[in-house]
Amino acid sequence: MIKAGIIGSAGFTGGELLRLLVNHPEVAVVFAHSNSQQGKLVSSVHKDLQGEIELVFKKETPPPVDVLFLCLGHGNTKEYLRNTPVPESTKLIDLSHDFRIFNETNPFIYGLPELNREKIRIADKVANPGCFATAIQLALLPLAANGFLKNDVHVNAVTGATGAGASLLPTTHFSWRQNNLSVYKAFEHQHLVEIHQSLKQADGSSSPRINFIPIRGDFTKGIFCTAYSKVDGSLNQFLGMYKDYYSDHPFTIVSEESISLKDIINTNKCYLHLQFYEGQLLITSIIDNLIKGASGQAIQNMNLMSGLPERTGLQLKAIGF
């Protein structure tokens, strides 16, 4: 049995990890950390876990565990690891952006299984991708890997309110978010750096300009992303290319039917749908931002790092109507 601890477990991603891990057949959650909720029952904050888990949030150094999930705010993981002794034998999975960008001093492997599965299998430290980055990379990786990503890419992606985290901000209040849409960080979202890094890795040389317009949606969970670029070829050619690229990746599905956001909410799936019009390929990519975009993908990475089948503990069902 894998002993797991979660640092920063009172937030949205920590809550999703707990919901998934309490039903994982090979995992026992033995430690739940929170600075803001210490001393409280986990189930008093994540109320749907009443009767499922008896842990209390703690602030102190975690006990020895096999895997430690880090769900701290961006910029805080590095500080936590500097100040907290963690045994070398403990596998680390970081859900912040602190270790996503490769450099010679960064020991973390970028944790997108559809790109780095074999590296993840032998890794001790994994940096989980961002939610927008996951949806956009999965939309574009087959094109990059096959040398078709040569022109500017235009991306619009709408995300649910949980993408902003659990702390209240002016743009996360119900009265502001309901029946409302707004653009933020146009052309300069922080996830662009890791997207370019992955596309260069897949292409072997370069990544095109990505004109990315992130949009705040008036719903709770999910990302609905459309990306298009000029390419030479046909719809059938690209359908075959995408299906071949993802043929042995269980969570990324190329659908020839139209897709909608509810199809994947509460699952670890990414659905892709392709359309071709006058030399432009349009890829629609949809994920649950807290699961395939965060906690579910983190468990997928843990499974790989632990020698388990990727799907273990992740056979979730969509929300339906």
Protein backbone atom coordinates (compact mmCIF):
# COMPACT_ATOMS: atom_id res chain seq x y z
CA MET A 1 0.00 0.00 0.00
CA ILE A 2 1.33 3.43 -0.99
CA LYS A 3 1.37 5.90 1.90
CA ALA A 4 0.47 9.39 0.62
CA GLY A 5 0.58 12.86 2.12
CA ILE A 6 -0.86 16.08 0.73
CA ILE A 7 0.64 19.52 1.45
CA GLY A 8 -1.94 22.29 1.04
CA SER A 9 -4.87 19.91 1.15
CA ALA A 10 -7.62 22.37 2.09
CA GLY A 11 -7.89 23.96 -1.37
CA PHE A 12 -9.62 22.84 -4.54
CA THR A 13 -6.81 20.65 -5.90
CA GLY A 14 -6.12 19.18 -2.46
CA GLY A 15 -9.79 18.36 -2.08
CA GLU A 16 -9.94 16.64 -5.44
CA LEU A 17 -6.82 14.63 -4.55
CA LEU A 18 -8.44 13.48 -1.32
CA ARG A 19 -11.68 12.46 -3.09
CA LEU A 20 -9.74 10.43 -5.62
CA LEU A 21 -7.19 8.91 -3.27
CA VAL A 22 -9.65 7.68 -0.63
CA ASN A 23 -11.05 5.40 -3.34
CA HIS A 24 -7.68 4.42 -4.85
CA PRO A 25 -7.17 0.68 -4.24
CA GLU A 26 -3.40 0.99 -3.72
CA VAL A 27 -3.19 4.17 -1.61
CA ALA A 28 -3.65 5.11 2.04
CA VAL A 29 -3.77 8.86 2.76
CA VAL A 30 -1.94 9.27 6.06
CA PHE A 31 -1.28 13.02 6.21
CA ALA A 32 -3.26 16.12 5.23
CA HIS A 33 -1.49 19.46 5.68
CA SER A 34 -3.01 22.92 5.91
CA ASN A 35 -1.78 26.16 7.42
CA SER A 36 -5.20 27.82 7.45
CA GLN A 37 -7.29 24.86 8.64
CA GLN A 38 -4.94 23.09 11.06
CA GLY A 39 -6.67 21.22 13.85
CA LYS A 40 -9.93 20.83 11.93
CA LEU A 41 -11.29 17.57 10.59
CA VAL A 42 -10.64 17.23 6.86
CA SER A 43 -14.33 16.35 6.45
CA SER A 44 -15.36 19.64 8.07
CA VAL A 45 -13.80 21.53 5.15
CA HIS A 46 -14.40 18.98 2.37
CA LYS A 47 -17.87 18.11 3.60
CA ASP A 48 -18.55 15.45 0.97
CA LEU A 49 -15.82 13.36 2.65
CA GLN A 50 -17.79 12.82 5.85
CA GLY A 51 -17.72 9.11 6.57
CA GLU A 52 -14.85 8.64 4.11
CA ILE A 53 -11.83 9.99 6.00
CA GLU A 54 -11.04 10.70 9.66
CA LEU A 55 -7.84 12.74 9.26
CA VAL A 56 -7.27 16.11 10.90
CA PHE A 57 -5.43 18.91 9.08
CA LYS A 58 -1.94 19.36 10.50
CA LYS A 59 0.69 22.04 10.01
CA GLU A 60 3.82 20.19 11.14
CA THR A 61 6.37 18.27 9.06
CA PRO A 62 4.76 15.20 7.48
CA PRO A 63 5.63 11.69 8.67
CA PRO A 64 7.58 9.43 6.28
CA VAL A 65 5.42 8.72 3.24
CA ASP A 66 5.96 7.09 -0.14
CA VAL A 67 4.57 10.00 -2.15
CA LEU A 68 4.01 13.64 -1.23
CA PHE A 69 1.66 15.81 -3.29
CA LEU A 70 2.42 19.55 -3.10
CA CYS A 71 -0.68 21.69 -3.65
CA LEU A 72 0.71 25.01 -2.48
CA GLY A 73 0.26 28.37 -4.16
CA HIS A 74 2.57 29.21 -7.02
CA GLY A 75 5.98 30.21 -5.72
CA ASN A 76 5.54 28.47 -2.36
CA THR A 77 6.70 24.93 -3.16
CA LYS A 78 10.37 25.87 -3.46
CA GLU A 79 10.23 27.65 -0.12
CA TYR A 80 8.46 24.71 1.52
CA LEU A 81 11.06 22.22 0.27
CA ARG A 82 13.93 24.50 1.39
CA ASN A 83 12.52 24.67 4.91
CA THR A 84 11.08 21.17 5.34
CA PRO A 85 13.14 17.96 5.51
CA VAL A 86 11.76 15.38 3.08
CA PRO A 87 13.44 11.93 2.84
CA GLU A 88 15.17 11.20 -0.46
CA SER A 89 13.03 8.07 -0.79
CA THR A 90 9.80 10.12 -0.92
CA LYS A 91 8.44 10.72 -4.41
CA LEU A 92 7.34 14.33 -4.99
CA ILE A 93 4.54 15.53 -7.26
CA ASP A 94 4.24 19.32 -7.40
CA LEU A 95 1.01 20.88 -8.66
CA SER A 96 2.34 24.47 -8.67
CA HIS A 97 4.32 26.06 -11.49
CA ASP A 98 7.55 26.17 -9.48
CA PHE A 99 9.35 23.33 -11.28
CA ARG A 100 7.64 23.11 -14.68
CA ILE A 101 10.34 24.86 -16.69
CA PHE A 102 13.41 22.78 -17.44
CA ASN A 103 16.89 23.95 -16.52
CA GLU A 104 20.09 22.19 -15.51
CA THR A 105 19.39 22.64 -11.78
CA ASN A 106 15.77 21.46 -11.90
CA PRO A 107 15.45 17.78 -10.88
CA PHE A 108 11.72 17.58 -11.74
CA ILE A 109 10.37 15.83 -14.85
CA TYR A 110 7.54 17.63 -16.62
CA GLY A 111 4.51 15.47 -15.88
CA LEU A 112 2.48 15.33 -19.09
CA PRO A 113 2.14 11.55 -19.66
CA GLU A 114 1.20 11.97 -23.31
CA LEU A 115 4.64 13.51 -23.86
CA ASN A 116 6.93 12.15 -21.13
CA ARG A 117 5.41 8.86 -19.98
CA GLU A 118 8.65 6.85 -20.01
CA LYS A 119 10.56 9.60 -18.18
CA ILE A 120 7.81 9.80 -15.57
CA ARG A 121 7.99 6.04 -14.94
CA ILE A 122 11.55 6.36 -13.59
CA ALA A 123 11.20 9.80 -11.98
CA ASP A 124 11.30 10.59 -8.28
CA LYS A 125 10.13 14.19 -8.75
CA VAL A 126 7.41 15.31 -11.18
CA ALA A 127 6.08 18.78 -11.97
CA ASN A 128 2.40 18.53 -12.85
CA PRO A 129 1.37 20.65 -15.88
CA GLY A 130 -0.95 23.62 -15.64
CA CYS A 131 -4.61 23.17 -16.54
CA PHE A 132 -4.68 25.47 -19.60
CA ALA A 133 -1.30 24.03 -20.61
CA THR A 134 -2.69 20.48 -20.50
CA ALA A 135 -5.67 21.26 -22.72
CA ILE A 136 -3.63 23.25 -25.24
CA GLN A 137 -0.69 20.84 -25.42
CA LEU A 138 -2.95 17.84 -25.97
CA ALA A 139 -4.63 19.78 -28.80
CA LEU A 140 -1.31 20.54 -30.52
CA LEU A 141 1.21 17.79 -29.70
CA PRO A 142 0.39 15.48 -32.66
CA LEU A 143 0.90 18.38 -35.08
CA ALA A 144 4.22 19.32 -33.48
CA ALA A 145 5.45 15.72 -33.37
CA ASN A 146 4.71 15.27 -37.08
CA GLY A 147 6.17 18.57 -38.27
CA PHE A 148 2.87 20.30 -39.13
CA LEU A 149 3.00 23.11 -36.59
CA LYS A 150 4.72 25.81 -38.68
CA ASN A 151 2.26 28.73 -38.63
CA ASP A 152 0.79 30.91 -35.90
CA VAL A 153 -1.72 29.16 -33.63
CA HIS A 154 -4.82 30.96 -32.35
CA VAL A 155 -6.27 29.71 -29.07
CA ASN A 156 -9.38 30.68 -27.14
CA ALA A 157 -9.99 28.83 -23.87
CA VAL A 158 -12.72 29.31 -21.27
CA THR A 159 -12.11 28.09 -17.72
CA GLY A 160 -14.36 27.57 -14.73
CA ALA A 161 -14.17 29.56 -11.50
CA THR A 162 -12.20 26.85 -9.66
CA GLY A 163 -9.23 27.62 -11.90
CA ALA A 164 -8.60 30.70 -9.75
CA GLY A 165 -8.21 28.68 -6.54
CA ALA A 166 -10.18 28.65 -3.30
CA SER A 167 -9.09 32.07 -1.96
CA LEU A 168 -11.65 34.78 -2.66
CA LEU A 169 -10.82 37.40 -5.28
CA PRO A 170 -13.03 40.12 -6.78
CA THR A 171 -13.38 38.05 -9.97
CA THR A 172 -14.38 34.83 -8.15
CA HIS A 173 -17.41 36.10 -6.22
CA PHE A 174 -20.70 34.54 -7.38
CA SER A 175 -22.26 37.96 -8.01
CA TRP A 176 -19.38 38.88 -10.35
CA ARG A 177 -18.94 35.53 -12.07
CA GLN A 178 -22.58 34.60 -12.73
CA ASN A 179 -23.82 35.39 -16.25
CA ASN A 180 -20.47 36.99 -17.02
CA LEU A 181 -17.40 36.46 -19.22
CA SER A 182 -14.09 38.30 -19.22
CA VAL A 183 -10.67 38.06 -20.85
CA TYR A 184 -7.52 38.08 -18.71
CA LYS A 185 -3.77 37.83 -19.37
CA ALA A 186 -4.33 37.91 -23.14
CA PHE A 187 -1.23 36.85 -25.13
CA GLU A 188 0.89 36.56 -21.95
CA HIS A 189 -0.60 33.85 -19.74
CA GLN A 190 2.05 32.13 -17.60
CA HIS A 191 1.25 28.68 -19.06
CA LEU A 192 2.58 29.72 -22.47
CA VAL A 193 6.17 29.11 -21.35
CA GLU A 194 5.57 25.43 -20.55
CA ILE A 195 3.46 25.00 -23.71
CA HIS A 196 6.29 26.26 -25.92
CA GLN A 197 8.75 24.08 -24.01
CA SER A 198 6.71 20.93 -24.74
CA LEU A 199 6.01 21.76 -28.37
CA LYS A 200 9.72 22.36 -28.98
CA GLN A 201 10.44 18.99 -27.37
CA ALA A 202 7.87 17.26 -29.59
CA ASP A 203 8.93 19.07 -32.76
CA GLY A 204 12.64 18.72 -32.07
CA SER A 205 13.45 22.34 -32.85
CA SER A 206 10.90 25.12 -32.56
CA SER A 207 7.42 26.22 -31.53
CA PRO A 208 5.24 28.72 -33.41
CA ARG A 209 3.70 31.88 -32.03
CA ILE A 210 0.64 31.06 -29.94
CA ASN A 211 -1.97 33.79 -29.71
CA PHE A 212 -3.73 32.70 -26.53
CA ILE A 213 -6.86 34.40 -25.19
CA PRO A 214 -7.83 33.00 -21.75
CA ILE A 215 -11.45 33.64 -20.69
CA ARG A 216 -13.11 33.43 -17.28
CA GLY A 217 -16.32 31.42 -17.59
CA ASP A 218 -19.48 31.53 -15.49
CA PHE A 219 -19.35 27.84 -14.51
CA THR A 220 -17.52 25.93 -11.78
CA LYS A 221 -15.30 23.34 -13.45
CA GLY A 222 -13.83 22.58 -16.84
CA ILE A 223 -11.87 24.09 -19.72
CA PHE A 224 -13.29 24.46 -23.22
CA CYS A 225 -10.45 25.22 -25.63
CA THR A 226 -10.40 25.85 -29.38
CA ALA A 227 -7.11 26.09 -31.30
CA TYR A 228 -6.65 26.60 -35.03
CA SER A 229 -3.78 27.04 -37.46
CA LYS A 230 -3.04 26.84 -41.19
CA VAL A 231 -1.85 23.38 -42.21
CA ASP A 232 -1.46 21.40 -45.43
CA GLY A 233 -3.45 18.19 -45.56
CA SER A 234 -6.96 16.80 -45.15
CA LEU A 235 -9.30 16.06 -42.26
CA ASN A 236 -8.91 12.30 -42.67
CA GLN A 237 -5.12 12.66 -42.64
CA PHE A 238 -5.17 14.58 -39.37
CA LEU A 239 -7.77 12.31 -37.77
CA GLY A 240 -5.49 9.36 -38.49
CA MET A 241 -2.48 11.25 -37.14
CA TYR A 242 -4.23 12.17 -33.87
CA LYS A 243 -5.69 8.72 -33.32
CA ASP A 244 -2.31 7.14 -33.93
CA TYR A 245 -0.52 9.55 -31.55
CA TYR A 246 -2.98 8.89 -28.73
CA SER A 247 -3.66 5.21 -29.46
CA ASP A 248 -1.93 3.97 -26.29
CA HIS A 249 -2.83 6.92 -24.03
CA PRO A 250 -5.99 5.90 -22.18
CA PHE A 251 -7.26 9.32 -21.13
CA THR A 252 -7.00 11.31 -24.38
CA ILE A 253 -9.81 10.47 -26.77
CA VAL A 254 -10.17 11.68 -30.37
CA SER A 255 -13.89 11.94 -31.05
CA GLU A 256 -15.43 12.20 -34.51
CA GLU A 257 -18.65 13.37 -32.86
CA SER A 258 -19.19 16.86 -31.50
CA ILE A 259 -18.05 17.30 -27.91
CA SER A 260 -19.27 19.47 -25.04
CA LEU A 261 -17.89 20.33 -21.63
CA LYS A 262 -20.21 18.09 -19.61
CA ASP A 263 -18.80 15.06 -21.43
CA ILE A 264 -15.65 15.12 -19.31
CA ILE A 265 -16.50 16.86 -16.02
CA ASN A 266 -15.42 14.68 -13.05
CA THR A 267 -13.23 12.51 -15.27
CA ASN A 268 -9.51 12.41 -16.03
CA LYS A 269 -10.23 12.51 -19.77
CA CYS A 270 -9.37 14.94 -22.51
CA TYR A 271 -11.68 14.84 -25.52
CA LEU A 272 -10.40 16.19 -28.85
CA HIS A 273 -12.51 17.00 -31.91
CA LEU A 274 -11.09 18.05 -35.28
CA GLN A 275 -12.59 20.17 -38.05
CA PHE A 276 -10.94 21.27 -41.30
CA TYR A 277 -11.95 24.30 -43.38
CA GLU A 278 -10.09 25.90 -46.30
CA GLY A 279 -6.61 24.96 -45.10
CA GLN A 280 -7.21 25.59 -41.40
CA LEU A 281 -7.38 22.85 -38.81
CA LEU A 282 -9.56 23.55 -35.78
CA ILE A 283 -9.00 21.41 -32.69
CA THR A 284 -11.46 21.53 -29.80
CA SER A 285 -9.99 20.25 -26.54
CA ILE A 286 -11.96 19.81 -23.30
CA ILE A 287 -10.83 18.76 -19.82
CA ASP A 288 -11.88 19.04 -16.19
CA ASN A 289 -9.42 21.67 -14.93
CA LEU A 290 -9.22 20.15 -11.43
CA ILE A 291 -8.82 16.53 -12.56
CA LYS A 292 -7.01 16.05 -15.88
CA GLY A 293 -5.81 19.64 -15.42
CA ALA A 294 -4.50 19.02 -11.89
CA SER A 295 -5.29 16.30 -9.33
CA GLY A 296 -6.29 13.45 -11.63
CA GLN A 297 -3.21 13.93 -13.75
CA ALA A 298 -1.12 14.01 -10.56
CA ILE A 299 -2.50 10.58 -9.63
CA GLN A 300 -1.93 9.36 -13.19
CA ASN A 301 1.71 10.40 -12.69
CA MET A 302 1.85 8.71 -9.27
CA ASN A 303 0.57 5.50 -10.87
CA LEU A 304 3.31 5.63 -13.49
CA MET A 305 6.00 6.41 -10.89
CA SER A 306 4.77 3.48 -8.76
CA GLY A 307 4.58 0.88 -11.53
CA LEU A 308 0.76 0.80 -11.53
CA PRO A 309 -1.53 0.92 -14.58
CA GLU A 310 -2.31 4.54 -15.44
CA ARG A 311 -6.05 4.10 -14.99
CA THR A 312 -5.82 2.78 -11.40
CA GLY A 313 -8.17 4.77 -9.18
CA LEU A 314 -9.23 7.03 -12.05
CA GLN A 315 -12.23 5.24 -13.54
CA LEU A 316 -14.51 8.24 -13.08
CA LYS A 317 -17.79 9.03 -14.75
CA ALA A 318 -18.94 12.26 -16.34
CA ILE A 319 -21.51 14.37 -14.54
CA GLY A 320 -24.29 13.86 -17.13
CA PHE A 321 -27.26 16.22 -17.16
